Amino acid sequence: MKVCLINTADHGGGAPVACKRLLQALKPKVDVNLLVQEKKTDDEYIVSTIDNSLDLFKSQANFYLERLPFIAFQERDKSVRFAFSPSNSGTDITQNKYIQNTDILHFHWINQGFLSLKNIKSLFHLNKPIVWTLHDMWTFTGGCHYAGDCDHFLNQCGNCKFLRNPNKNDISHRGWLGKEEIYQQNKNIVFVACSEWLANVAKSSSLLKNFRIEAIPNPIKTEVYKPLYKTLLKKKWNIALEAKIVLFGAANINDKRKGLVYLLEALEILKKSNANSNIQVLLFGKNKSLDISQLPFPAKSFSIVNDEQQLVEIYNLADVFVLPSLEDNLPNMVMEALSCAIPVVAFDQGGIPEMLSHHQNGYIAKYKSSEDLANGISWVLNVEGEHLKNNAREKVLNSYSEEVVAEKYLAVYKSLVK
């Protein structure tokens, strides 16, 4: 059986990470490749649609052809610039040899000028079995990646809150109509959500409610993301041995969806309580505006971490990982922290409650409550014994290991290939 995974990129962001991990998990099971636009890593199983400088120019042009009109005429403001993808520009990859020779097309995140709705329609017309992993809500909305409190995807979208001039026939409605037409082209398809939460939301959507939808988590290499000896790491990274380490990370820590403002408020609450005076804060991810010198506790920023072993060491420095996301599916960083036996504090939203058991491997805080986030951090830092750490690691071994996830996908593939 040949499977072709399709994703915009192989580096940068949660979907590329999850897709590459699935590639590694599937390698022992099936003949699999990952087809991306511009390849940035050296894995021989990852192949690019770009063969020459002209292809590269076209791919870059497609990105701007999609973004610039949206910025100039559609977006409500800068905060939604990458929250909505009209997918009106892309590349026809139907003749690519990996597409032609595969038994199953497995879509992942294909936005930002890689595949347009027209391109997706052409791929559906090949009449190959299709699996589509949902890393956000875009597949069943008119264009937004996370709908927040909007429920227009239950009907036909339109009057989109992300747009400057929303109306019933705006680009979100037209995007919904385009996807409806595409999905009628090929019924041999399974949509896979990375969390039970997203699967249930997808099942309620007008676009996907009549399709088969499965919930399969992303995998992780448990032999890479594992507990390490904290004392040695603290000496290596020049961290005080007695410090209690609070860790926060995101691809872009200033992304409002990641909830940094709530962490900052929680830290202020902890500072005023005087109960956790030996806290030190570590952060990693793109940071353009946060001045860490203004934090109420000593802080150190690792910026963007591209080296996986270094990232594993950073996790292992922590006593608690905090991710106050306001909208998230099944965050890789929560999984990575748990796999390193680091308890996690996060808000009660999205797929988080599927990953965390309250007071067992972390703390699930009340949504958008900085005070309860502070309570959770303090509680984890003061729990005695090793049971939180042991439970964190055990959760990942039982639910997210490569073997467990690969077998679930293999069952889906076999059900589609008659």
Protein backbone atom coordinates (compact mmCIF):
# COMPACT_ATOMS: atom_id res chain seq x y z
CA MET A 1 0.00 0.00 0.00
CA LYS A 2 1.33 3.43 -0.98
CA VAL A 3 0.34 6.53 0.97
CA CYS A 4 1.15 10.14 0.11
CA LEU A 5 0.92 12.62 2.97
CA ILE A 6 0.35 16.19 1.72
CA ASN A 7 1.23 19.23 3.83
CA THR A 8 2.24 22.80 2.99
CA ALA A 9 5.59 22.58 4.79
CA ASP A 10 7.88 20.22 6.65
CA HIS A 11 9.07 22.83 9.13
CA GLY A 12 7.53 25.60 11.26
CA GLY A 13 4.31 25.24 13.23
CA GLY A 14 2.33 22.42 14.74
CA ALA A 15 0.99 20.76 11.58
CA PRO A 16 4.45 20.17 9.99
CA VAL A 17 5.71 18.71 13.26
CA ALA A 18 2.70 16.43 13.60
CA CYS A 19 2.86 15.40 9.94
CA LYS A 20 6.55 14.51 10.09
CA ARG A 21 5.97 12.49 13.24
CA LEU A 22 3.20 10.58 11.52
CA LEU A 23 5.54 9.95 8.58
CA GLN A 24 8.10 8.39 10.95
CA ALA A 25 5.43 6.33 12.68
CA LEU A 26 4.08 4.97 9.38
CA LYS A 27 7.42 4.11 7.75
CA PRO A 28 7.61 0.59 9.22
CA LYS A 29 3.98 -0.09 8.23
CA VAL A 30 3.42 1.24 4.69
CA ASP A 31 5.16 2.72 1.66
CA VAL A 32 4.81 6.39 2.59
CA ASN A 33 6.12 9.79 1.51
CA LEU A 34 5.39 13.34 2.59
CA LEU A 35 4.81 15.78 -0.27
CA VAL A 36 5.39 19.42 0.67
CA GLN A 37 5.77 22.68 -1.19
CA GLU A 38 9.25 23.82 -0.24
CA LYS A 39 11.33 21.19 1.54
CA LYS A 40 13.45 22.50 4.42
CA THR A 41 14.61 19.30 6.13
CA ASP A 42 16.78 16.45 4.90
CA ASP A 43 14.50 13.43 5.33
CA GLU A 44 14.65 11.38 2.12
CA TYR A 45 10.98 10.44 2.52
CA ILE A 46 9.99 14.11 2.29
CA VAL A 47 9.70 15.39 -1.29
CA SER A 48 9.01 18.83 -2.70
CA THR A 49 6.68 19.99 -5.46
CA ILE A 50 9.36 22.56 -6.34
CA ASP A 51 11.88 21.30 -8.91
CA ASN A 52 13.45 24.55 -10.15
CA SER A 53 13.69 28.31 -9.62
CA LEU A 54 10.54 28.93 -11.66
CA ASP A 55 8.55 26.58 -9.41
CA LEU A 56 9.94 28.40 -6.39
CA PHE A 57 8.94 31.78 -7.83
CA LYS A 58 5.42 30.50 -8.57
CA SER A 59 5.01 29.11 -5.05
CA GLN A 60 6.07 32.41 -3.50
CA ALA A 61 3.79 34.31 -5.88
CA ASN A 62 0.85 32.12 -4.88
CA PHE A 63 1.40 33.00 -1.24
CA TYR A 64 1.18 36.72 -2.00
CA LEU A 65 -1.67 36.28 -4.49
CA GLU A 66 -3.70 34.76 -1.67
CA ARG A 67 -2.57 37.10 1.14
CA LEU A 68 -2.36 40.54 -0.45
CA PRO A 69 -5.95 40.80 -1.77
CA PHE A 70 -7.20 39.55 1.57
CA ILE A 71 -5.11 42.12 3.43
CA ALA A 72 -6.07 44.96 1.09
CA PHE A 73 -9.78 44.33 0.75
CA GLN A 74 -11.04 41.73 3.20
CA GLU A 75 -9.36 41.48 6.59
CA ARG A 76 -11.00 43.15 9.56
CA ASP A 77 -7.64 44.12 11.07
CA LYS A 78 -4.10 42.79 11.42
CA SER A 79 -5.03 40.43 14.23
CA VAL A 80 -6.90 38.15 11.79
CA ARG A 81 -4.30 38.28 9.00
CA PHE A 82 -3.49 34.57 9.16
CA ALA A 83 -6.69 33.44 10.89
CA PHE A 84 -8.56 33.13 7.59
CA SER A 85 -7.42 31.37 4.40
CA PRO A 86 -9.48 32.00 1.24
CA SER A 87 -7.38 29.46 -0.70
CA ASN A 88 -7.89 31.19 -4.03
CA SER A 89 -4.36 30.58 -5.27
CA GLY A 90 -2.20 27.46 -5.44
CA THR A 91 -0.45 24.81 -7.49
CA ASP A 92 -1.86 21.94 -9.54
CA ILE A 93 -0.04 18.83 -8.26
CA THR A 94 -2.25 16.20 -9.87
CA GLN A 95 0.51 15.13 -12.28
CA ASN A 96 3.17 14.82 -9.60
CA LYS A 97 4.56 11.29 -9.68
CA TYR A 98 3.95 10.73 -5.98
CA ILE A 99 0.31 11.73 -6.43
CA GLN A 100 -0.09 9.58 -9.53
CA ASN A 101 1.52 6.48 -8.00
CA THR A 102 -0.10 6.53 -4.57
CA ASP A 103 -3.00 4.38 -3.41
CA ILE A 104 -4.21 6.90 -0.82
CA LEU A 105 -4.06 10.69 -0.72
CA HIS A 106 -3.65 11.88 2.86
CA PHE A 107 -4.23 15.62 3.21
CA HIS A 108 -3.04 17.59 6.20
CA TRP A 109 -2.62 21.41 6.42
CA ILE A 110 -2.47 22.70 2.83
CA ASN A 111 -3.02 26.48 3.14
CA GLN A 112 -1.00 29.68 2.56
CA GLY A 113 -0.80 29.39 -1.22
CA PHE A 114 0.00 25.68 -1.54
CA LEU A 115 -3.35 24.28 -2.70
CA SER A 116 -6.34 26.35 -3.78
CA LEU A 117 -9.90 25.08 -3.64
CA LYS A 118 -9.60 24.50 -7.39
CA ASN A 119 -6.45 22.42 -6.86
CA ILE A 120 -8.13 20.37 -4.13
CA LYS A 121 -11.09 19.75 -6.42
CA SER A 122 -8.72 18.43 -9.12
CA LEU A 123 -7.16 16.03 -6.62
CA PHE A 124 -10.59 14.78 -5.58
CA HIS A 125 -11.36 14.13 -9.27
CA LEU A 126 -8.54 11.56 -9.36
CA ASN A 127 -10.97 9.28 -7.51
CA LYS A 128 -8.30 7.96 -5.17
CA PRO A 129 -9.25 7.14 -1.57
CA ILE A 130 -8.73 10.21 0.63
CA VAL A 131 -7.87 10.69 4.28
CA TRP A 132 -7.89 14.27 5.53
CA THR A 133 -6.40 15.01 8.95
CA LEU A 134 -7.89 18.13 10.52
CA HIS A 135 -5.31 20.20 12.39
CA ASP A 136 -7.82 23.03 12.87
CA MET A 137 -11.36 23.90 11.73
CA TRP A 138 -10.61 25.20 8.21
CA THR A 139 -11.77 22.05 6.42
CA PHE A 140 -15.38 22.62 7.52
CA THR A 141 -15.59 26.43 7.68
CA GLY A 142 -15.81 29.09 5.00
CA GLY A 143 -12.16 29.99 5.59
CA CYS A 144 -11.33 30.56 9.26
CA HIS A 145 -8.96 28.21 11.07
CA TYR A 146 -10.65 28.59 14.45
CA ALA A 147 -14.20 29.91 14.72
CA GLY A 148 -14.10 30.94 18.37
CA ASP A 149 -17.64 31.73 19.51
CA CYS A 150 -18.99 31.82 15.93
CA ASP A 151 -21.28 28.97 14.88
CA HIS A 152 -21.87 29.93 11.26
CA PHE A 153 -20.18 26.71 10.12
CA LEU A 154 -23.30 24.92 11.39
CA ASN A 155 -25.07 26.39 8.38
CA GLN A 156 -23.41 27.89 5.28
CA CYS A 157 -21.07 30.52 6.75
CA GLY A 158 -21.35 34.14 5.65
CA ASN A 159 -21.39 37.33 7.73
CA CYS A 160 -17.88 36.39 8.85
CA LYS A 161 -16.48 38.25 11.86
CA PHE A 162 -12.95 38.13 10.40
CA LEU A 163 -13.94 40.29 7.42
CA ARG A 164 -14.03 44.05 7.00
CA ASN A 165 -17.43 44.06 5.33
CA PRO A 166 -19.21 40.87 6.31
CA ASN A 167 -22.41 39.93 4.52
CA LYS A 168 -24.39 36.80 3.71
CA ASN A 169 -22.58 36.36 0.37
CA ASP A 170 -19.06 37.25 1.51
CA ILE A 171 -15.95 35.17 0.78
CA SER A 172 -16.65 32.92 3.77
CA HIS A 173 -19.98 31.92 2.22
CA ARG A 174 -18.36 31.43 -1.17
CA GLY A 175 -15.63 29.35 0.46
CA TRP A 176 -18.29 27.18 2.11
CA LEU A 177 -20.02 26.64 -1.24
CA GLY A 178 -16.69 25.76 -2.87
CA LYS A 179 -15.94 23.11 -0.26
CA GLU A 180 -19.45 21.69 -0.48
CA GLU A 181 -18.94 21.18 -4.22
CA ILE A 182 -15.52 19.56 -3.67
CA TYR A 183 -16.74 17.08 -1.08
CA GLN A 184 -19.43 15.80 -3.43
CA GLN A 185 -16.75 14.72 -5.94
CA ASN A 186 -15.37 11.80 -3.96
CA LYS A 187 -17.25 9.88 -1.29
CA ASN A 188 -14.39 7.47 -0.53
CA ILE A 189 -13.04 9.78 2.14
CA VAL A 190 -12.42 9.73 5.88
CA PHE A 191 -11.86 12.91 7.87
CA VAL A 192 -9.61 12.44 10.90
CA ALA A 193 -9.55 14.90 13.78
CA CYS A 194 -6.57 14.96 16.12
CA SER A 195 -8.85 15.21 19.15
CA GLU A 196 -12.29 14.00 20.20
CA TRP A 197 -13.23 17.65 20.70
CA LEU A 198 -12.49 18.59 17.09
CA ALA A 199 -14.15 15.40 15.82
CA ASN A 200 -17.35 16.31 17.63
CA VAL A 201 -17.28 19.87 16.30
CA ALA A 202 -16.68 18.57 12.77
CA LYS A 203 -19.62 16.16 13.12
CA SER A 204 -21.86 19.11 13.95
CA SER A 205 -20.75 21.11 10.89
CA SER A 206 -22.95 21.44 7.83
CA LEU A 207 -20.11 20.41 5.51
CA LEU A 208 -18.92 17.22 7.22
CA LYS A 209 -21.92 15.95 9.20
CA ASN A 210 -22.70 13.23 6.65
CA PHE A 211 -19.11 11.97 6.30
CA ARG A 212 -17.15 9.43 8.29
CA ILE A 213 -15.10 11.20 10.95
CA GLU A 214 -12.54 9.50 13.20
CA ALA A 215 -10.52 10.83 16.12
CA ILE A 216 -6.83 9.82 16.03
CA PRO A 217 -4.20 11.79 17.98
CA ASN A 218 -0.83 12.91 16.68
CA PRO A 219 2.08 10.60 17.55
CA ILE A 220 5.30 11.43 19.35
CA LYS A 221 8.72 9.75 19.61
CA THR A 222 8.69 8.69 23.24
CA GLU A 223 12.30 7.54 23.02
CA VAL A 224 13.32 11.13 22.13
CA TYR A 225 10.93 13.09 24.34
CA LYS A 226 11.75 11.43 27.63
CA PRO A 227 12.73 12.34 31.20
CA LEU A 228 16.33 13.46 31.70
CA TYR A 229 18.37 14.19 34.81
CA LYS A 230 17.28 17.68 35.88
CA THR A 231 20.22 18.56 38.14
CA LEU A 232 22.78 18.04 35.39
CA LEU A 233 20.68 20.04 32.92
CA LYS A 234 20.34 22.96 35.32
CA LYS A 235 24.09 23.09 35.71
CA LYS A 236 24.53 22.94 31.94
CA TRP A 237 22.07 25.79 31.31
CA ASN A 238 23.19 27.82 34.32
CA ILE A 239 19.86 27.57 36.14
CA ALA A 240 19.80 27.79 39.93
CA LEU A 241 19.34 24.33 41.40
CA GLU A 242 16.76 25.52 43.93
CA ALA A 243 14.67 27.43 41.34
CA LYS A 244 11.17 26.24 40.50
CA ILE A 245 10.94 26.45 36.71
CA VAL A 246 7.76 27.59 34.97
CA LEU A 247 8.01 26.96 31.22
CA PHE A 248 5.92 28.49 28.41
CA GLY A 249 6.39 27.99 24.70
CA ALA A 250 4.67 28.59 21.37
CA ALA A 251 5.63 28.92 17.73
CA ASN A 252 4.83 32.61 18.22
CA ILE A 253 4.42 33.51 21.87
CA ASN A 254 2.69 36.78 20.93
CA ASP A 255 -0.11 34.97 19.07
CA LYS A 256 -3.23 36.04 21.00
CA ARG A 257 -4.65 32.54 20.65
CA LYS A 258 -1.81 31.22 22.85
CA GLY A 259 -3.01 33.27 25.83
CA LEU A 260 0.27 34.83 26.98
CA VAL A 261 -1.59 37.70 28.63
CA TYR A 262 -3.21 35.24 31.05
CA LEU A 263 0.15 33.74 31.98
CA LEU A 264 1.55 37.21 32.67
CA GLU A 265 -1.42 38.00 34.92
CA ALA A 266 -1.03 34.64 36.69
CA LEU A 267 2.64 35.35 37.36
CA GLU A 268 1.73 38.73 38.88
CA ILE A 269 -0.77 36.97 41.15
CA LEU A 270 1.89 34.46 42.22
CA LYS A 271 4.36 37.26 42.92
CA LYS A 272 1.90 39.07 45.17
CA SER A 273 1.12 35.89 47.11
CA ASN A 274 4.78 35.59 48.23
CA ALA A 275 4.25 31.82 48.40
CA ASN A 276 6.45 30.97 45.42
CA SER A 277 9.36 33.39 45.61
CA ASN A 278 11.89 31.01 44.04
CA ILE A 279 10.14 30.81 40.65
CA GLN A 280 12.08 31.30 37.44
CA VAL A 281 10.34 31.60 34.07
CA LEU A 282 11.66 30.05 30.86
CA LEU A 283 10.16 30.82 27.45
CA PHE A 284 10.77 29.59 23.92
CA GLY A 285 9.32 30.60 20.55
CA LYS A 286 9.25 33.60 18.26
CA ASN A 287 9.08 36.80 20.31
CA LYS A 288 8.86 40.25 18.78
CA SER A 289 7.34 42.31 21.58
CA LEU A 290 7.59 40.75 25.05
CA ASP A 291 10.27 42.33 27.24
CA ILE A 292 11.13 39.51 29.61
CA SER A 293 12.93 41.91 31.94
CA GLN A 294 9.48 43.22 32.90
CA LEU A 295 8.28 39.85 34.19
CA PRO A 296 7.72 39.60 37.96
CA PHE A 297 10.20 36.71 38.24
CA PRO A 298 13.66 36.15 36.74
CA ALA A 299 13.21 35.01 33.15
CA LYS A 300 15.21 33.52 30.32
CA SER A 301 14.16 33.29 26.66
CA PHE A 302 15.43 30.62 24.26
CA SER A 303 13.74 32.27 21.26
CA ILE A 304 13.07 29.86 18.37
CA VAL A 305 14.39 26.36 19.11
CA ASN A 306 15.07 24.26 16.00
CA ASP A 307 17.27 21.61 17.58
CA GLU A 308 15.08 18.79 18.89
CA GLN A 309 17.50 17.57 21.53
CA GLN A 310 17.86 21.10 22.87
CA LEU A 311 14.07 21.35 23.05
CA VAL A 312 13.91 18.11 25.03
CA GLU A 313 16.46 19.48 27.47
CA ILE A 314 14.46 22.71 27.89
CA TYR A 315 11.34 20.71 28.74
CA ASN A 316 13.31 18.72 31.27
CA LEU A 317 14.46 21.91 33.00
CA ALA A 318 10.83 22.65 33.91
CA ASP A 319 8.82 21.78 36.97
CA VAL A 320 5.60 22.77 35.20
CA PHE A 321 4.71 23.60 31.60
CA VAL A 322 1.99 26.22 31.18
CA LEU A 323 -0.02 26.62 27.98
CA PRO A 324 -2.96 29.01 28.47
CA SER A 325 -4.24 28.63 24.88
CA LEU A 326 -7.67 30.05 24.16
CA GLU A 327 -8.22 27.81 21.12
CA ASP A 328 -6.24 24.65 20.44
CA ASN A 329 -6.77 21.20 19.03
CA LEU A 330 -4.28 18.70 20.49
CA PRO A 331 -1.19 20.84 21.19
CA ASN A 332 2.13 19.17 20.38
CA MET A 333 3.81 21.08 23.19
CA VAL A 334 1.50 19.66 25.83
CA MET A 335 2.25 16.18 24.50
CA GLU A 336 5.99 16.90 24.44
CA ALA A 337 5.99 18.15 28.02
CA LEU A 338 3.97 15.16 29.28
CA SER A 339 6.28 12.78 27.43
CA CYS A 340 9.20 14.34 29.32
CA ALA A 341 7.27 13.70 32.57
CA ILE A 342 6.52 17.39 33.07
CA PRO A 343 3.05 18.18 34.53
CA VAL A 344 1.02 20.71 32.54
CA VAL A 345 -1.31 23.55 33.51
CA ALA A 346 -3.74 24.67 30.81
CA PHE A 347 -7.23 26.04 30.28
CA ASP A 348 -10.29 23.82 29.94
CA GLN A 349 -10.78 24.09 26.18
CA GLY A 350 -10.36 22.22 22.90
CA GLY A 351 -8.57 18.89 23.16
CA ILE A 352 -6.74 19.81 26.39
CA PRO A 353 -9.06 17.80 28.73
CA GLU A 354 -8.29 14.70 26.65
CA MET A 355 -4.59 15.11 27.42
CA LEU A 356 -4.78 16.22 31.04
CA SER A 357 -6.47 14.56 33.99
CA HIS A 358 -7.08 17.18 36.67
CA HIS A 359 -4.80 16.63 39.69
CA GLN A 360 -3.43 13.47 38.04
CA ASN A 361 -0.90 14.66 35.44
CA GLY A 362 -1.53 18.38 35.65
CA TYR A 363 -4.14 21.01 36.35
CA ILE A 364 -7.07 22.08 34.16
CA ALA A 365 -7.79 25.73 34.93
CA LYS A 366 -11.08 27.55 34.45
CA TYR A 367 -11.22 29.08 30.99
CA LYS A 368 -9.70 32.56 30.81
CA SER A 369 -9.17 32.68 34.57
CA SER A 370 -5.71 34.04 35.36
CA GLU A 371 -6.38 33.43 39.04
CA ASP A 372 -7.09 29.73 38.54
CA LEU A 373 -4.10 29.48 36.21
CA ALA A 374 -2.00 30.83 39.08
CA ASN A 375 -3.65 28.34 41.44
CA GLY A 376 -2.73 25.53 39.08
CA ILE A 377 0.91 26.59 38.77
CA SER A 378 1.24 26.93 42.53
CA TRP A 379 -0.47 23.58 43.14
CA VAL A 380 1.82 21.69 40.74
CA LEU A 381 4.96 23.34 42.14
CA ASN A 382 4.03 22.32 45.66
CA VAL A 383 2.84 18.74 45.10
CA GLU A 384 5.04 16.24 46.87
CA GLY A 385 6.10 12.95 45.34
CA GLU A 386 6.56 11.75 41.79
CA HIS A 387 3.04 10.66 40.87
CA LEU A 388 2.27 13.70 38.66
CA LYS A 389 5.42 13.11 36.63
CA ASN A 390 4.85 9.38 36.37
CA ASN A 391 1.25 9.86 35.28
CA ALA A 392 2.30 12.42 32.68
CA ARG A 393 4.73 10.02 31.05
CA GLU A 394 2.31 7.10 31.28
CA LYS A 395 -0.44 9.06 29.51
CA VAL A 396 1.78 9.56 26.46
CA LEU A 397 3.06 5.99 26.37
CA ASN A 398 -0.49 4.63 26.42
CA SER A 399 -2.16 7.13 24.07
CA TYR A 400 0.32 8.90 21.78
CA SER A 401 3.19 6.54 21.02
CA GLU A 402 4.11 5.95 17.37
CA GLU A 403 2.96 2.33 17.49
CA VAL A 404 -0.47 3.17 18.90
CA VAL A 405 -1.18 5.98 16.42
CA ALA A 406 0.23 4.17 13.37
CA GLU A 407 -2.02 1.17 13.94
CA LYS A 408 -5.09 3.40 14.09
CA TYR A 409 -4.22 5.09 10.78
CA LEU A 410 -3.39 1.74 9.21
CA ALA A 411 -6.91 0.53 10.06
CA VAL A 412 -8.38 3.60 8.32
CA TYR A 413 -6.23 3.05 5.22
CA LYS A 414 -7.23 -0.61 4.96
CA SER A 415 -10.91 0.30 5.23
CA LEU A 416 -10.59 2.58 2.18
CA VAL A 417 -8.61 0.28 -0.10
CA LYS A 418 -10.91 -2.49 -1.28
